[in-house]
Amino acid sequence: MDSTDARKGRLTGPLFDVPCALGRGAMVPEDRKQEGDGATPMGRYPFRRVFYRPDHEEPPFTKLPCEALSADYGWCDAPEDANYNKLVRLPYGPSHEKMWRDDGLYDLVVVIGHNDAPVIPGKGSAIFMHVARPGYTPTEGCVALAAPDLRRFLRLVSPDDILKIG
């Protein structure tokens, strides 16, 4: 991790070591993660699936389940809703995040298995691995990599691999 900024880190593994951006709230233990705190939850997480924006990206080479994004995809971040921390179709009434973004951050996105088995209302939603902003500025709780690094990571990762944060 960048010792001068707790919101920047490194994603490391066999044959892999790249910078990454973390949440604006730095990292918190998984049991202290709260919806909207901007923190990246520490823990061990499986990779659920990959989405890519087909008008910006080719389908990535990966062993993970992969799906093209649709302009009507969203992710529910309303703790009181039955679809909290799940993919939803837009328009959607309760609070949600749009998956089809103009800023390119979700052109390639990996769903991390945080707070999904089971979903606990208020313990954090939409924790993804996605494309980093220039300068690796902080995320809202996700892990973000430069697009070429994320593509390379997807070539190396397997469905049984685990992401360790912290």
N, C-alpha and C. Protein backbone atom coordinates (compact mmCIF):
# COMPACT_ATOMS: atom_id res chain seq x y z
N MET A 1 0.84 -1.18 0.00
CA MET A 1 0.00 0.00 0.00
C MET A 1 0.89 1.24 0.00
N ASP A 2 0.45 2.30 -0.62
CA ASP A 2 1.12 3.59 -0.62
C ASP A 2 1.08 4.12 0.82
N SER A 3 2.24 4.24 1.46
CA SER A 3 2.28 4.62 2.87
C SER A 3 1.85 6.07 3.10
N THR A 4 1.77 6.87 2.04
CA THR A 4 1.37 8.26 2.21
C THR A 4 -0.13 8.48 2.03
N ASP A 5 -0.84 7.50 1.52
CA ASP A 5 -2.27 7.65 1.28
C ASP A 5 -2.95 6.29 1.44
N ALA A 6 -3.73 6.13 2.50
CA ALA A 6 -4.40 4.85 2.78
C ALA A 6 -5.47 4.53 1.76
N ARG A 7 -5.75 5.45 0.85
CA ARG A 7 -6.75 5.20 -0.19
C ARG A 7 -6.11 4.67 -1.47
N LYS A 8 -4.81 4.44 -1.42
CA LYS A 8 -4.10 3.83 -2.54
C LYS A 8 -3.41 2.57 -2.04
N GLY A 9 -3.40 1.56 -2.87
CA GLY A 9 -2.79 0.30 -2.47
C GLY A 9 -2.15 -0.39 -3.63
N ARG A 10 -1.92 -1.69 -3.47
CA ARG A 10 -1.36 -2.52 -4.52
C ARG A 10 -2.16 -3.82 -4.57
N LEU A 11 -2.40 -4.27 -5.77
CA LEU A 11 -3.02 -5.58 -5.97
C LEU A 11 -1.87 -6.50 -6.35
N THR A 12 -1.62 -7.49 -5.50
CA THR A 12 -0.49 -8.38 -5.72
C THR A 12 -0.94 -9.83 -5.75
N GLY A 13 -0.17 -10.62 -6.42
CA GLY A 13 -0.41 -12.05 -6.49
C GLY A 13 0.71 -12.68 -7.29
N PRO A 14 0.61 -13.97 -7.53
CA PRO A 14 1.65 -14.60 -8.35
C PRO A 14 1.73 -13.91 -9.72
N LEU A 15 2.88 -13.41 -10.05
CA LEU A 15 3.13 -12.77 -11.35
C LEU A 15 2.31 -11.49 -11.54
N PHE A 16 1.85 -10.87 -10.45
CA PHE A 16 1.00 -9.70 -10.58
C PHE A 16 1.27 -8.75 -9.43
N ASP A 17 1.56 -7.50 -9.74
CA ASP A 17 1.79 -6.47 -8.72
C ASP A 17 1.57 -5.12 -9.38
N VAL A 18 0.40 -4.51 -9.11
CA VAL A 18 0.05 -3.23 -9.75
C VAL A 18 -0.59 -2.30 -8.71
N PRO A 19 -0.52 -1.00 -8.97
CA PRO A 19 -1.19 -0.05 -8.07
C PRO A 19 -2.70 -0.14 -8.23
N CYS A 20 -3.40 0.25 -7.17
CA CYS A 20 -4.86 0.30 -7.23
C CYS A 20 -5.36 1.43 -6.35
N ALA A 21 -6.57 1.85 -6.64
CA ALA A 21 -7.26 2.84 -5.81
C ALA A 21 -8.21 2.10 -4.89
N LEU A 22 -8.36 2.63 -3.69
CA LEU A 22 -9.29 2.09 -2.71
C LEU A 22 -10.33 3.15 -2.37
N GLY A 23 -11.21 2.85 -1.46
CA GLY A 23 -12.29 3.76 -1.10
C GLY A 23 -11.82 5.05 -0.45
N ARG A 24 -12.62 6.10 -0.62
CA ARG A 24 -12.31 7.40 -0.02
C ARG A 24 -12.25 7.31 1.50
N GLY A 25 -12.89 6.32 2.07
CA GLY A 25 -12.84 6.06 3.52
C GLY A 25 -11.77 5.06 3.90
N ALA A 26 -10.80 4.84 2.99
CA ALA A 26 -9.72 3.87 3.18
C ALA A 26 -10.31 2.47 3.35
N MET A 27 -9.72 1.66 4.21
CA MET A 27 -10.21 0.29 4.43
C MET A 27 -10.78 0.17 5.83
N VAL A 28 -11.82 -0.65 5.98
CA VAL A 28 -12.39 -0.94 7.29
C VAL A 28 -12.59 -2.45 7.41
N PRO A 29 -12.53 -2.98 8.64
CA PRO A 29 -12.86 -4.39 8.82
C PRO A 29 -14.27 -4.66 8.28
N GLU A 30 -14.45 -5.82 7.71
CA GLU A 30 -15.72 -6.17 7.08
C GLU A 30 -16.91 -5.96 8.01
N ASP A 31 -16.77 -6.28 9.29
CA ASP A 31 -17.90 -6.15 10.22
C ASP A 31 -18.24 -4.69 10.55
N ARG A 32 -17.36 -3.75 10.16
CA ARG A 32 -17.65 -2.33 10.40
C ARG A 32 -18.07 -1.60 9.12
N LYS A 33 -18.12 -2.29 8.00
CA LYS A 33 -18.53 -1.70 6.74
C LYS A 33 -20.00 -1.28 6.83
N GLN A 34 -20.29 -0.04 6.38
CA GLN A 34 -21.65 0.48 6.38
C GLN A 34 -21.94 1.10 5.02
N GLU A 35 -23.17 1.00 4.59
CA GLU A 35 -23.59 1.61 3.34
C GLU A 35 -23.26 3.10 3.35
N GLY A 36 -22.61 3.57 2.29
CA GLY A 36 -22.33 4.98 2.12
C GLY A 36 -21.09 5.50 2.82
N ASP A 37 -20.33 4.64 3.53
CA ASP A 37 -19.15 5.13 4.24
C ASP A 37 -17.94 5.36 3.34
N GLY A 38 -18.01 4.90 2.10
CA GLY A 38 -16.91 5.10 1.16
C GLY A 38 -15.68 4.25 1.45
N ALA A 39 -15.79 3.30 2.34
CA ALA A 39 -14.65 2.46 2.73
C ALA A 39 -14.64 1.15 1.95
N THR A 40 -13.45 0.66 1.71
CA THR A 40 -13.26 -0.65 1.09
C THR A 40 -13.24 -1.68 2.21
N PRO A 41 -14.10 -2.70 2.15
CA PRO A 41 -14.15 -3.69 3.23
C PRO A 41 -12.97 -4.66 3.17
N MET A 42 -12.33 -4.87 4.32
CA MET A 42 -11.25 -5.85 4.41
C MET A 42 -11.86 -7.23 4.57
N GLY A 43 -11.24 -8.20 3.94
CA GLY A 43 -11.72 -9.57 4.05
C GLY A 43 -11.28 -10.39 2.85
N ARG A 44 -11.85 -11.56 2.73
CA ARG A 44 -11.56 -12.48 1.63
C ARG A 44 -12.85 -12.67 0.83
N TYR A 45 -12.76 -12.40 -0.47
CA TYR A 45 -13.97 -12.38 -1.29
C TYR A 45 -13.79 -13.15 -2.59
N PRO A 46 -14.83 -13.91 -2.97
CA PRO A 46 -14.81 -14.56 -4.29
C PRO A 46 -15.15 -13.55 -5.38
N PHE A 47 -14.85 -13.94 -6.59
CA PHE A 47 -15.24 -13.15 -7.76
C PHE A 47 -16.53 -13.75 -8.29
N ARG A 48 -17.57 -12.91 -8.47
CA ARG A 48 -18.87 -13.42 -8.90
C ARG A 48 -19.03 -13.43 -10.42
N ARG A 49 -18.79 -12.28 -11.04
CA ARG A 49 -18.93 -12.20 -12.50
C ARG A 49 -18.32 -10.90 -13.00
N VAL A 50 -18.17 -10.85 -14.31
CA VAL A 50 -17.58 -9.70 -14.99
C VAL A 50 -18.63 -9.10 -15.91
N PHE A 51 -18.70 -7.79 -15.92
CA PHE A 51 -19.51 -7.06 -16.89
C PHE A 51 -18.56 -6.20 -17.73
N TYR A 52 -18.90 -6.03 -18.99
CA TYR A 52 -18.13 -5.12 -19.84
C TYR A 52 -19.12 -4.32 -20.69
N ARG A 53 -18.69 -3.11 -21.02
CA ARG A 53 -19.54 -2.25 -21.84
C ARG A 53 -19.21 -2.54 -23.31
N PRO A 54 -20.13 -3.16 -24.04
CA PRO A 54 -19.81 -3.67 -25.38
C PRO A 54 -19.50 -2.59 -26.42
N ASP A 55 -19.94 -1.36 -26.19
CA ASP A 55 -19.61 -0.31 -27.15
C ASP A 55 -18.25 0.32 -26.86
N HIS A 56 -17.60 -0.07 -25.75
CA HIS A 56 -16.27 0.45 -25.39
C HIS A 56 -15.22 -0.64 -25.26
N GLU A 57 -15.62 -1.86 -24.99
CA GLU A 57 -14.69 -2.97 -24.71
C GLU A 57 -15.07 -4.22 -25.49
N GLU A 58 -14.06 -4.96 -25.90
CA GLU A 58 -14.28 -6.31 -26.41
C GLU A 58 -14.57 -7.20 -25.20
N PRO A 59 -15.23 -8.32 -25.40
CA PRO A 59 -15.39 -9.24 -24.27
C PRO A 59 -14.00 -9.61 -23.74
N PRO A 60 -13.78 -9.49 -22.42
CA PRO A 60 -12.46 -9.79 -21.89
C PRO A 60 -12.17 -11.28 -21.93
N PHE A 61 -10.90 -11.61 -22.06
CA PHE A 61 -10.48 -13.01 -21.98
C PHE A 61 -10.39 -13.34 -20.50
N THR A 62 -11.30 -14.19 -20.02
CA THR A 62 -11.33 -14.55 -18.61
C THR A 62 -12.05 -15.88 -18.43
N LYS A 63 -11.74 -16.55 -17.34
CA LYS A 63 -12.43 -17.79 -16.97
C LYS A 63 -13.65 -17.50 -16.09
N LEU A 64 -13.81 -16.24 -15.69
CA LEU A 64 -14.95 -15.86 -14.86
C LEU A 64 -16.20 -15.71 -15.73
N PRO A 65 -17.38 -15.92 -15.15
CA PRO A 65 -18.61 -15.65 -15.91
C PRO A 65 -18.61 -14.20 -16.39
N CYS A 66 -18.99 -13.98 -17.62
CA CYS A 66 -18.86 -12.66 -18.24
C CYS A 66 -20.13 -12.32 -19.00
N GLU A 67 -20.53 -11.04 -18.92
CA GLU A 67 -21.76 -10.60 -19.56
C GLU A 67 -21.61 -9.16 -20.04
N ALA A 68 -22.17 -8.89 -21.21
CA ALA A 68 -22.19 -7.51 -21.71
C ALA A 68 -23.18 -6.69 -20.89
N LEU A 69 -22.77 -5.48 -20.52
CA LEU A 69 -23.68 -4.57 -19.85
C LEU A 69 -24.77 -4.11 -20.81
N SER A 70 -25.89 -3.77 -20.24
CA SER A 70 -26.98 -3.17 -20.99
C SER A 70 -27.22 -1.79 -20.38
N ALA A 71 -27.69 -0.87 -21.19
CA ALA A 71 -27.93 0.50 -20.71
C ALA A 71 -28.96 0.56 -19.60
N ASP A 72 -29.76 -0.49 -19.43
CA ASP A 72 -30.77 -0.47 -18.38
C ASP A 72 -30.35 -1.24 -17.12
N TYR A 73 -29.06 -1.53 -16.97
CA TYR A 73 -28.58 -2.22 -15.77
C TYR A 73 -28.29 -1.20 -14.67
N GLY A 74 -28.69 -1.55 -13.47
CA GLY A 74 -28.37 -0.78 -12.28
C GLY A 74 -28.02 -1.73 -11.15
N TRP A 75 -27.57 -1.16 -10.02
CA TRP A 75 -27.24 -1.97 -8.85
C TRP A 75 -27.89 -1.30 -7.64
N CYS A 76 -28.77 -2.00 -6.97
CA CYS A 76 -29.54 -1.42 -5.87
C CYS A 76 -28.65 -1.17 -4.65
N ASP A 77 -28.70 0.08 -4.15
CA ASP A 77 -27.95 0.42 -2.93
C ASP A 77 -28.87 0.94 -1.82
N ALA A 78 -30.14 0.58 -1.91
CA ALA A 78 -31.13 0.97 -0.90
C ALA A 78 -31.28 -0.15 0.12
N PRO A 79 -30.71 0.00 1.34
CA PRO A 79 -30.73 -1.10 2.32
C PRO A 79 -32.12 -1.64 2.64
N GLU A 80 -33.15 -0.81 2.55
CA GLU A 80 -34.50 -1.26 2.90
C GLU A 80 -35.19 -2.03 1.77
N ASP A 81 -34.57 -2.08 0.59
CA ASP A 81 -35.19 -2.72 -0.57
C ASP A 81 -34.84 -4.21 -0.63
N ALA A 82 -35.77 -5.02 -1.11
CA ALA A 82 -35.56 -6.47 -1.24
C ALA A 82 -34.43 -6.79 -2.22
N ASN A 83 -34.11 -5.89 -3.14
CA ASN A 83 -33.06 -6.12 -4.11
C ASN A 83 -31.73 -5.46 -3.74
N TYR A 84 -31.58 -5.09 -2.46
CA TYR A 84 -30.34 -4.47 -1.99
C TYR A 84 -29.13 -5.31 -2.37
N ASN A 85 -28.13 -4.64 -2.89
CA ASN A 85 -26.87 -5.25 -3.33
C ASN A 85 -27.06 -6.29 -4.43
N LYS A 86 -27.99 -5.98 -5.33
CA LYS A 86 -28.24 -6.88 -6.46
C LYS A 86 -28.41 -6.07 -7.74
N LEU A 87 -28.17 -6.74 -8.85
CA LEU A 87 -28.41 -6.17 -10.17
C LEU A 87 -29.90 -5.93 -10.34
N VAL A 88 -30.28 -4.75 -10.86
CA VAL A 88 -31.68 -4.43 -11.14
C VAL A 88 -31.77 -3.84 -12.54
N ARG A 89 -32.98 -3.81 -13.06
CA ARG A 89 -33.25 -3.20 -14.36
C ARG A 89 -33.82 -1.81 -14.16
N LEU A 90 -33.32 -0.85 -14.91
CA LEU A 90 -33.78 0.53 -14.85
C LEU A 90 -34.90 0.75 -15.86
N PRO A 91 -35.84 1.64 -15.58
CA PRO A 91 -35.89 2.49 -14.39
C PRO A 91 -36.23 1.66 -13.16
N TYR A 92 -35.69 2.10 -12.03
CA TYR A 92 -35.89 1.41 -10.76
C TYR A 92 -36.12 2.47 -9.69
N GLY A 93 -37.18 2.35 -8.94
CA GLY A 93 -37.56 3.37 -7.97
C GLY A 93 -36.60 3.59 -6.82
N PRO A 94 -36.25 2.53 -6.07
CA PRO A 94 -35.35 2.74 -4.94
C PRO A 94 -33.95 3.19 -5.39
N SER A 95 -33.18 3.68 -4.44
CA SER A 95 -31.83 4.16 -4.74
C SER A 95 -31.00 3.07 -5.42
N HIS A 96 -30.24 3.49 -6.43
CA HIS A 96 -29.44 2.54 -7.20
C HIS A 96 -28.28 3.27 -7.88
N GLU A 97 -27.35 2.49 -8.33
CA GLU A 97 -26.22 2.99 -9.10
C GLU A 97 -26.42 2.56 -10.55
N LYS A 98 -26.16 3.45 -11.49
CA LYS A 98 -26.24 3.08 -12.90
C LYS A 98 -24.96 2.34 -13.28
N MET A 99 -25.10 1.22 -13.96
CA MET A 99 -23.94 0.44 -14.38
C MET A 99 -23.39 0.95 -15.72
N TRP A 100 -24.24 1.58 -16.52
CA TRP A 100 -23.85 2.12 -17.83
C TRP A 100 -23.43 3.57 -17.59
N ARG A 101 -22.13 3.80 -17.45
CA ARG A 101 -21.64 5.11 -17.04
C ARG A 101 -20.91 5.81 -18.18
N ASP A 102 -20.96 7.13 -18.16
CA ASP A 102 -20.27 7.93 -19.17
C ASP A 102 -18.80 8.13 -18.87
N ASP A 103 -18.37 7.91 -17.62
CA ASP A 103 -16.98 8.18 -17.25
C ASP A 103 -16.01 7.03 -17.52
N GLY A 104 -16.50 5.89 -17.99
CA GLY A 104 -15.62 4.77 -18.34
C GLY A 104 -15.23 3.88 -17.17
N LEU A 105 -15.59 4.24 -15.95
CA LEU A 105 -15.16 3.44 -14.79
C LEU A 105 -15.73 2.03 -14.80
N TYR A 106 -16.93 1.87 -15.36
CA TYR A 106 -17.55 0.55 -15.40
C TYR A 106 -17.51 -0.05 -16.81
N ASP A 107 -16.61 0.42 -17.64
CA ASP A 107 -16.44 -0.23 -18.95
C ASP A 107 -16.05 -1.69 -18.77
N LEU A 108 -15.38 -1.98 -17.67
CA LEU A 108 -14.98 -3.33 -17.29
C LEU A 108 -15.11 -3.39 -15.77
N VAL A 109 -15.97 -4.27 -15.27
CA VAL A 109 -16.25 -4.32 -13.83
C VAL A 109 -16.41 -5.76 -13.37
N VAL A 110 -15.78 -6.06 -12.23
CA VAL A 110 -15.86 -7.39 -11.62
C VAL A 110 -16.69 -7.27 -10.35
N VAL A 111 -17.72 -8.07 -10.23
CA VAL A 111 -18.52 -8.09 -9.01
C VAL A 111 -17.78 -8.93 -7.99
N ILE A 112 -17.49 -8.30 -6.84
CA ILE A 112 -16.81 -8.97 -5.74
C ILE A 112 -17.87 -9.49 -4.78
N GLY A 113 -17.70 -10.69 -4.28
CA GLY A 113 -18.68 -11.33 -3.41
C GLY A 113 -18.70 -10.78 -2.00
N HIS A 114 -18.88 -9.47 -1.86
CA HIS A 114 -19.02 -8.84 -0.54
C HIS A 114 -20.50 -8.67 -0.23
N ASN A 115 -20.89 -9.06 0.97
CA ASN A 115 -22.27 -8.89 1.46
C ASN A 115 -23.32 -9.46 0.50
N ASP A 116 -23.06 -10.67 0.04
CA ASP A 116 -24.05 -11.27 -0.87
C ASP A 116 -24.43 -12.70 -0.51
N ALA A 117 -23.87 -13.27 0.55
CA ALA A 117 -24.19 -14.65 0.89
C ALA A 117 -24.22 -14.84 2.41
N PRO A 118 -25.23 -14.32 3.09
CA PRO A 118 -26.41 -13.62 2.59
C PRO A 118 -26.19 -12.11 2.55
N VAL A 119 -27.12 -11.43 1.91
CA VAL A 119 -27.12 -9.96 1.91
C VAL A 119 -27.63 -9.50 3.27
N ILE A 120 -26.88 -8.57 3.88
CA ILE A 120 -27.28 -7.97 5.16
C ILE A 120 -27.55 -6.49 4.90
N PRO A 121 -28.79 -6.05 5.07
CA PRO A 121 -29.11 -4.64 4.80
C PRO A 121 -28.18 -3.67 5.54
N GLY A 122 -27.65 -2.71 4.78
CA GLY A 122 -26.81 -1.66 5.35
C GLY A 122 -25.34 -1.98 5.46
N LYS A 123 -24.92 -3.19 5.11
CA LYS A 123 -23.52 -3.60 5.27
C LYS A 123 -22.68 -3.41 4.00
N GLY A 124 -23.20 -2.63 3.07
CA GLY A 124 -22.42 -2.28 1.88
C GLY A 124 -22.91 -2.97 0.63
N SER A 125 -22.93 -2.20 -0.43
CA SER A 125 -23.38 -2.71 -1.72
C SER A 125 -22.44 -2.22 -2.82
N ALA A 126 -22.55 -2.86 -3.97
CA ALA A 126 -21.81 -2.44 -5.16
C ALA A 126 -20.31 -2.35 -4.90
N ILE A 127 -19.76 -3.36 -4.24
CA ILE A 127 -18.31 -3.41 -4.05
C ILE A 127 -17.75 -4.18 -5.25
N PHE A 128 -17.11 -3.42 -6.13
CA PHE A 128 -16.62 -3.95 -7.39
C PHE A 128 -15.11 -3.75 -7.53
N MET A 129 -14.56 -4.41 -8.51
CA MET A 129 -13.25 -4.09 -9.04
C MET A 129 -13.54 -3.47 -10.40
N HIS A 130 -13.04 -2.26 -10.64
CA HIS A 130 -13.37 -1.57 -11.88
C HIS A 130 -12.19 -0.73 -12.36
N VAL A 131 -12.38 0.00 -13.43
CA VAL A 131 -11.34 0.84 -14.02
C VAL A 131 -11.09 2.04 -13.12
N ALA A 132 -9.82 2.35 -12.91
CA ALA A 132 -9.41 3.47 -12.06
C ALA A 132 -9.47 4.79 -12.81
N ARG A 133 -9.71 5.84 -12.05
CA ARG A 133 -9.59 7.20 -12.59
C ARG A 133 -8.10 7.53 -12.74
N PRO A 134 -7.77 8.51 -13.57
CA PRO A 134 -6.37 8.95 -13.64
C PRO A 134 -5.87 9.36 -12.26
N GLY A 135 -4.67 8.96 -11.95
CA GLY A 135 -4.09 9.30 -10.65
C GLY A 135 -4.56 8.41 -9.52
N TYR A 136 -5.35 7.40 -9.84
CA TYR A 136 -5.87 6.46 -8.83
C TYR A 136 -6.57 7.20 -7.69
N THR A 137 -7.41 8.16 -8.05
CA THR A 137 -8.17 8.86 -7.04
C THR A 137 -9.13 7.88 -6.37
N PRO A 138 -9.56 8.16 -5.13
CA PRO A 138 -10.36 7.21 -4.37
C PRO A 138 -11.69 6.84 -5.03
N THR A 139 -12.14 5.65 -4.67
CA THR A 139 -13.42 5.11 -5.13
C THR A 139 -14.45 5.33 -4.03
N GLU A 140 -15.65 4.81 -4.23
CA GLU A 140 -16.69 4.85 -3.20
C GLU A 140 -16.66 3.60 -2.32
N GLY A 141 -15.58 2.82 -2.41
CA GLY A 141 -15.44 1.60 -1.62
C GLY A 141 -14.94 0.43 -2.44
N CYS A 142 -14.79 0.64 -3.72
CA CYS A 142 -14.34 -0.40 -4.64
C CYS A 142 -12.81 -0.47 -4.69
N VAL A 143 -12.32 -1.42 -5.46
CA VAL A 143 -10.90 -1.54 -5.80
C VAL A 143 -10.81 -1.21 -7.28
N ALA A 144 -9.97 -0.26 -7.66
CA ALA A 144 -9.90 0.17 -9.06
C ALA A 144 -8.47 0.06 -9.59
N LEU A 145 -8.36 -0.46 -10.80
CA LEU A 145 -7.08 -0.66 -11.47
C LEU A 145 -7.10 0.06 -12.82
N ALA A 146 -5.92 0.37 -13.32
CA ALA A 146 -5.82 0.88 -14.68
C ALA A 146 -6.41 -0.17 -15.62
N ALA A 147 -7.07 0.25 -16.68
CA ALA A 147 -7.76 -0.68 -17.58
C ALA A 147 -6.85 -1.79 -18.10
N PRO A 148 -5.62 -1.50 -18.56
CA PRO A 148 -4.77 -2.60 -19.02
C PRO A 148 -4.44 -3.60 -17.90
N ASP A 149 -4.26 -3.11 -16.68
CA ASP A 149 -3.99 -4.01 -15.56
C ASP A 149 -5.20 -4.86 -15.23
N LEU A 150 -6.40 -4.27 -15.31
CA LEU A 150 -7.61 -5.04 -15.05
C LEU A 150 -7.80 -6.12 -16.11
N ARG A 151 -7.55 -5.79 -17.36
CA ARG A 151 -7.65 -6.80 -18.42
C ARG A 151 -6.66 -7.95 -18.18
N ARG A 152 -5.43 -7.60 -17.80
CA ARG A 152 -4.41 -8.63 -17.53
C ARG A 152 -4.82 -9.48 -16.33
N PHE A 153 -5.33 -8.83 -15.29
CA PHE A 153 -5.78 -9.54 -14.10
C PHE A 153 -6.86 -10.56 -14.48
N LEU A 154 -7.81 -10.15 -15.30
CA LEU A 154 -8.89 -11.06 -15.70
C LEU A 154 -8.38 -12.27 -16.47
N ARG A 155 -7.29 -12.09 -17.22
CA ARG A 155 -6.70 -13.24 -17.92
C ARG A 155 -6.10 -14.25 -16.94
N LEU A 156 -5.66 -13.78 -15.78
CA LEU A 156 -4.96 -14.64 -14.82
C LEU A 156 -5.87 -15.29 -13.77
N VAL A 157 -6.99 -14.67 -13.46
CA VAL A 157 -7.83 -15.12 -12.36
C VAL A 157 -8.73 -16.28 -12.77
N SER A 158 -9.00 -17.15 -11.81
CA SER A 158 -9.88 -18.30 -12.01
C SER A 158 -11.11 -18.20 -11.10
N PRO A 159 -12.18 -18.90 -11.44
CA PRO A 159 -13.40 -18.83 -10.63
C PRO A 159 -13.19 -19.21 -9.15
N ASP A 160 -12.21 -20.03 -8.84
CA ASP A 160 -11.98 -20.44 -7.46
C ASP A 160 -11.05 -19.51 -6.70
N ASP A 161 -10.49 -18.51 -7.36
CA ASP A 161 -9.57 -17.58 -6.70
C ASP A 161 -10.33 -16.66 -5.74
N ILE A 162 -9.60 -16.15 -4.78
CA ILE A 162 -10.16 -15.28 -3.74
C ILE A 162 -9.38 -13.97 -3.73
N LEU A 163 -10.09 -12.87 -3.57
CA LEU A 163 -9.49 -11.56 -3.42
C LEU A 163 -9.35 -11.28 -1.92
N LYS A 164 -8.12 -11.03 -1.48
CA LYS A 164 -7.89 -10.69 -0.08
C LYS A 164 -7.63 -9.19 0.00
N ILE A 165 -8.45 -8.48 0.75
CA ILE A 165 -8.30 -7.04 0.93
C ILE A 165 -7.88 -6.80 2.37
N GLY A 166 -6.76 -6.08 2.53
CA GLY A 166 -6.28 -5.75 3.88
C GLY A 166 -5.20 -6.63 4.40
